[in-house]
Amino acid sequence: MILIIDGQGGRMGKMLVEQLLLRCPNEEIVAVGTNTIATSAMLKAGAVHGATGENPVVVLSKKAKLIIGPIGILIPDALYGEVTPKMAAAIGESGAEKILIPVNRCGISVVGVKNLPLGDAIAGAVELAVNALETEKK
């Protein structure tokens, strides 16, 4: 299962769902929004299942083989406070491979990472996900 976690308006998560469905149509994509707007956007994009809030992140992080989202999902109180400490811990402790998209906002900057347009960052994340899934099958 691929777990996509996003917050705010869910734009990044929506783009991830759309592109992953094109590249990995047989994978189960589950979306968890830190708010209902983000969850709704990802479900409209085609995620198989969706949920909102802290507990779904905690529960599904244990089951996921890939977790994809903005880098802030690993930082308590990121995304303008939408990421709780319990969410960040569950994601960080998960055995899933994590593909994080560096979004240099909300007081988080990653040194050495180019500030790419969102579409390019999403394409790179999808490519990493496809490679991880192919490696797992070998």
C-alpha atoms as a PDB file:
ATOM      1  CA  MET A   1       0.000   0.000   0.000  1.00  0.00           C
ATOM      2  CA  ILE A   2       1.196   3.479  -0.906  1.00  0.00           C
ATOM      3  CA  LEU A   3       0.253   6.019   1.748  1.00  0.00           C
ATOM      4  CA  ILE A   4       0.078   9.623   0.619  1.00  0.00           C
ATOM      5  CA  ILE A   5      -0.112  12.202   3.379  1.00  0.00           C
ATOM      6  CA  ASP A   6      -0.834  15.856   2.690  1.00  0.00           C
ATOM      7  CA  GLY A   7      -2.351  18.879   4.339  1.00  0.00           C
ATOM      8  CA  GLN A   8      -3.469  22.417   3.577  1.00  0.00           C
ATOM      9  CA  GLY A   9      -5.527  22.251   0.345  1.00  0.00           C
ATOM     10  CA  GLY A  10      -4.200  18.845  -0.727  1.00  0.00           C
ATOM     11  CA  ARG A  11      -2.753  20.065  -4.024  1.00  0.00           C
ATOM     12  CA  MET A  12       0.491  18.117  -3.672  1.00  0.00           C
ATOM     13  CA  GLY A  13      -1.344  14.949  -2.618  1.00  0.00           C
ATOM     14  CA  LYS A  14      -3.798  15.306  -5.500  1.00  0.00           C
ATOM     15  CA  MET A  15      -0.956  15.547  -8.001  1.00  0.00           C
ATOM     16  CA  LEU A  16       0.787  12.554  -6.441  1.00  0.00           C
ATOM     17  CA  VAL A  17      -2.353  10.418  -6.616  1.00  0.00           C
ATOM     18  CA  GLU A  18      -2.994  11.336 -10.255  1.00  0.00           C
ATOM     19  CA  GLN A  19       0.556  10.578 -11.379  1.00  0.00           C
ATOM     20  CA  LEU A  20       0.920   7.397  -9.344  1.00  0.00           C
ATOM     21  CA  LEU A  21      -2.342   6.046 -10.763  1.00  0.00           C
ATOM     22  CA  LEU A  22      -0.902   6.514 -14.251  1.00  0.00           C
ATOM     23  CA  ARG A  23       2.442   4.898 -13.424  1.00  0.00           C
ATOM     24  CA  CYS A  24       1.334   2.243 -10.901  1.00  0.00           C
ATOM     25  CA  PRO A  25      -2.283   1.399 -11.714  1.00  0.00           C
ATOM     26  CA  ASN A  26      -2.232  -1.888  -9.757  1.00  0.00           C
ATOM     27  CA  GLU A  27      -1.016  -0.374  -6.483  1.00  0.00           C
ATOM     28  CA  GLU A  28      -3.407   0.463  -3.667  1.00  0.00           C
ATOM     29  CA  ILE A  29      -3.161   4.188  -3.015  1.00  0.00           C
ATOM     30  CA  VAL A  30      -4.498   5.402   0.315  1.00  0.00           C
ATOM     31  CA  ALA A  31      -4.733   9.109   1.091  1.00  0.00           C
ATOM     32  CA  VAL A  32      -4.659  10.677   4.520  1.00  0.00           C
ATOM     33  CA  GLY A  33      -5.201  14.371   4.837  1.00  0.00           C
ATOM     34  CA  THR A  34      -4.318  16.387   7.869  1.00  0.00           C
ATOM     35  CA  ASN A  35      -7.656  18.095   7.196  1.00  0.00           C
ATOM     36  CA  THR A  36     -10.834  17.218   5.279  1.00  0.00           C
ATOM     37  CA  ILE A  37     -10.063  19.521   2.348  1.00  0.00           C
ATOM     38  CA  ALA A  38      -6.787  17.696   1.652  1.00  0.00           C
ATOM     39  CA  THR A  39      -8.436  14.293   1.999  1.00  0.00           C
ATOM     40  CA  SER A  40     -11.243  15.280  -0.354  1.00  0.00           C
ATOM     41  CA  ALA A  41      -8.809  16.524  -3.006  1.00  0.00           C
ATOM     42  CA  MET A  42      -6.889  13.241  -2.957  1.00  0.00           C
ATOM     43  CA  LEU A  43     -10.053  11.135  -3.107  1.00  0.00           C
ATOM     44  CA  LYS A  44     -11.319  13.151  -6.077  1.00  0.00           C
ATOM     45  CA  ALA A  45      -7.983  12.464  -7.768  1.00  0.00           C
ATOM     46  CA  GLY A  46      -8.638   8.719  -7.471  1.00  0.00           C
ATOM     47  CA  ALA A  47      -7.189   7.447  -4.188  1.00  0.00           C
ATOM     48  CA  VAL A  48      -8.791   4.101  -3.302  1.00  0.00           C
ATOM     49  CA  HIS A  49      -9.395   5.030   0.332  1.00  0.00           C
ATOM     50  CA  GLY A  50      -9.106   8.195   2.341  1.00  0.00           C
ATOM     51  CA  ALA A  51      -9.129   9.263   5.945  1.00  0.00           C
ATOM     52  CA  THR A  52      -8.405  12.400   7.903  1.00  0.00           C
ATOM     53  CA  GLY A  53      -6.359  13.194  10.957  1.00  0.00           C
ATOM     54  CA  GLU A  54      -3.924  11.825  13.460  1.00  0.00           C
ATOM     55  CA  ASN A  55      -5.177   8.283  14.113  1.00  0.00           C
ATOM     56  CA  PRO A  56      -5.312   7.224  10.433  1.00  0.00           C
ATOM     57  CA  VAL A  57      -1.717   8.408  10.004  1.00  0.00           C
ATOM     58  CA  VAL A  58      -0.631   6.416  13.059  1.00  0.00           C
ATOM     59  CA  VAL A  59      -2.477   3.234  12.031  1.00  0.00           C
ATOM     60  CA  LEU A  60      -1.675   3.308   8.313  1.00  0.00           C
ATOM     61  CA  SER A  61       2.003   4.201   8.775  1.00  0.00           C
ATOM     62  CA  LYS A  62       2.429   0.712  10.269  1.00  0.00           C
ATOM     63  CA  LYS A  63       0.915  -0.957   7.182  1.00  0.00           C
ATOM     64  CA  ALA A  64       2.365   1.107   4.324  1.00  0.00           C
ATOM     65  CA  LYS A  65       5.233  -0.005   2.127  1.00  0.00           C
ATOM     66  CA  LEU A  66       5.742   3.569   0.870  1.00  0.00           C
ATOM     67  CA  ILE A  67       4.870   6.871   2.520  1.00  0.00           C
ATOM     68  CA  ILE A  68       4.921   9.939   0.302  1.00  0.00           C
ATOM     69  CA  GLY A  69       4.340  13.552   1.245  1.00  0.00           C
ATOM     70  CA  PRO A  70       5.908  16.915   1.966  1.00  0.00           C
ATOM     71  CA  ILE A  71       8.996  16.878   4.177  1.00  0.00           C
ATOM     72  CA  GLY A  72       6.989  18.547   6.917  1.00  0.00           C
ATOM     73  CA  ILE A  73       5.142  15.323   7.714  1.00  0.00           C
ATOM     74  CA  LEU A  74       8.207  14.298   9.729  1.00  0.00           C
ATOM     75  CA  ILE A  75       8.253  17.491  11.785  1.00  0.00           C
ATOM     76  CA  PRO A  76       5.867  18.076  14.696  1.00  0.00           C
ATOM     77  CA  ASP A  77       3.723  21.193  14.259  1.00  0.00           C
ATOM     78  CA  ALA A  78       4.679  21.594  10.583  1.00  0.00           C
ATOM     79  CA  LEU A  79       2.157  22.494   7.876  1.00  0.00           C
ATOM     80  CA  TYR A  80       0.977  25.374  10.037  1.00  0.00           C
ATOM     81  CA  GLY A  81       0.417  23.057  12.987  1.00  0.00           C
ATOM     82  CA  GLU A  82      -1.484  20.350  11.097  1.00  0.00           C
ATOM     83  CA  VAL A  83       1.163  17.687  11.802  1.00  0.00           C
ATOM     84  CA  THR A  84       0.920  16.531  15.396  1.00  0.00           C
ATOM     85  CA  PRO A  85       3.913  15.139  17.294  1.00  0.00           C
ATOM     86  CA  LYS A  86       2.226  11.711  17.315  1.00  0.00           C
ATOM     87  CA  MET A  87       1.826  11.811  13.498  1.00  0.00           C
ATOM     88  CA  ALA A  88       5.460  12.792  12.932  1.00  0.00           C
ATOM     89  CA  ALA A  89       6.656  10.044  15.286  1.00  0.00           C
ATOM     90  CA  ALA A  90       4.493   7.372  13.627  1.00  0.00           C
ATOM     91  CA  ILE A  91       5.757   8.306  10.178  1.00  0.00           C
ATOM     92  CA  GLY A  92       9.374   8.462  11.331  1.00  0.00           C
ATOM     93  CA  GLU A  93       9.134   5.118  13.128  1.00  0.00           C
ATOM     94  CA  SER A  94       7.414   3.371  10.230  1.00  0.00           C
ATOM     95  CA  GLY A  95       9.348   0.688   8.419  1.00  0.00           C
ATOM     96  CA  ALA A  96       7.998   2.022   5.127  1.00  0.00           C
ATOM     97  CA  GLU A  97      10.287   3.738   2.683  1.00  0.00           C
ATOM     98  CA  LYS A  98       9.612   7.462   2.859  1.00  0.00           C
ATOM     99  CA  ILE A  99       9.670   9.712  -0.167  1.00  0.00           C
ATOM    100  CA  LEU A 100       9.655  13.301   1.010  1.00  0.00           C
ATOM    101  CA  ILE A 101       9.123  16.344  -1.146  1.00  0.00           C
ATOM    102  CA  PRO A 102      11.171  19.325   0.012  1.00  0.00           C
ATOM    103  CA  VAL A 103       8.861  22.290   0.242  1.00  0.00           C
ATOM    104  CA  ASN A 104      10.867  25.244   1.498  1.00  0.00           C
ATOM    105  CA  ARG A 105       7.981  26.837   3.374  1.00  0.00           C
ATOM    106  CA  CYS A 106       6.569  26.860   6.885  1.00  0.00           C
ATOM    107  CA  GLY A 107       9.998  27.572   8.344  1.00  0.00           C
ATOM    108  CA  ILE A 108      11.631  24.466   6.854  1.00  0.00           C
ATOM    109  CA  SER A 109      14.488  24.821   4.382  1.00  0.00           C
ATOM    110  CA  VAL A 110      16.646  21.979   3.080  1.00  0.00           C
ATOM    111  CA  VAL A 111      20.207  22.962   2.225  1.00  0.00           C
ATOM    112  CA  GLY A 112      21.523  21.650  -1.074  1.00  0.00           C
ATOM    113  CA  VAL A 113      18.098  21.022  -2.578  1.00  0.00           C
ATOM    114  CA  LYS A 114      17.037  23.028  -5.578  1.00  0.00           C
ATOM    115  CA  ASN A 115      13.765  24.886  -5.201  1.00  0.00           C
ATOM    116  CA  LEU A 116      11.897  23.055  -7.993  1.00  0.00           C
ATOM    117  CA  PRO A 117       8.457  23.879  -9.309  1.00  0.00           C
ATOM    118  CA  LEU A 118       5.892  21.629  -7.599  1.00  0.00           C
ATOM    119  CA  GLY A 119       5.209  19.653 -10.789  1.00  0.00           C
ATOM    120  CA  ASP A 120       8.894  18.764 -11.155  1.00  0.00           C
ATOM    121  CA  ALA A 121       9.150  17.760  -7.507  1.00  0.00           C
ATOM    122  CA  ILE A 122       6.072  15.537  -7.860  1.00  0.00           C
ATOM    123  CA  ALA A 123       7.500  13.907 -10.998  1.00  0.00           C
ATOM    124  CA  GLY A 124      10.720  13.157  -9.124  1.00  0.00           C
ATOM    125  CA  ALA A 125       8.822  11.666  -6.184  1.00  0.00           C
ATOM    126  CA  VAL A 126       6.739   9.483  -8.497  1.00  0.00           C
ATOM    127  CA  GLU A 127       9.881   8.262 -10.238  1.00  0.00           C
ATOM    128  CA  LEU A 128      11.405   7.303  -6.869  1.00  0.00           C
ATOM    129  CA  ALA A 129       8.185   5.495  -5.922  1.00  0.00           C
ATOM    130  CA  VAL A 130       8.115   3.523  -9.172  1.00  0.00           C
ATOM    131  CA  ASN A 131      11.776   2.543  -8.701  1.00  0.00           C
ATOM    132  CA  ALA A 132      11.159   1.492  -5.085  1.00  0.00           C
ATOM    133  CA  LEU A 133       8.183  -0.656  -6.107  1.00  0.00           C
ATOM    134  CA  GLU A 134      10.159  -2.298  -8.913  1.00  0.00           C
ATOM    135  CA  THR A 135      13.081  -3.016  -6.582  1.00  0.00           C
ATOM    136  CA  GLU A 136      10.701  -4.569  -4.045  1.00  0.00           C
ATOM    137  CA  LYS A 137       9.341  -6.979  -6.677  1.00  0.00           C
ATOM    138  CA  LYS A 138      12.802  -8.322  -7.513  1.00  0.00           C
END
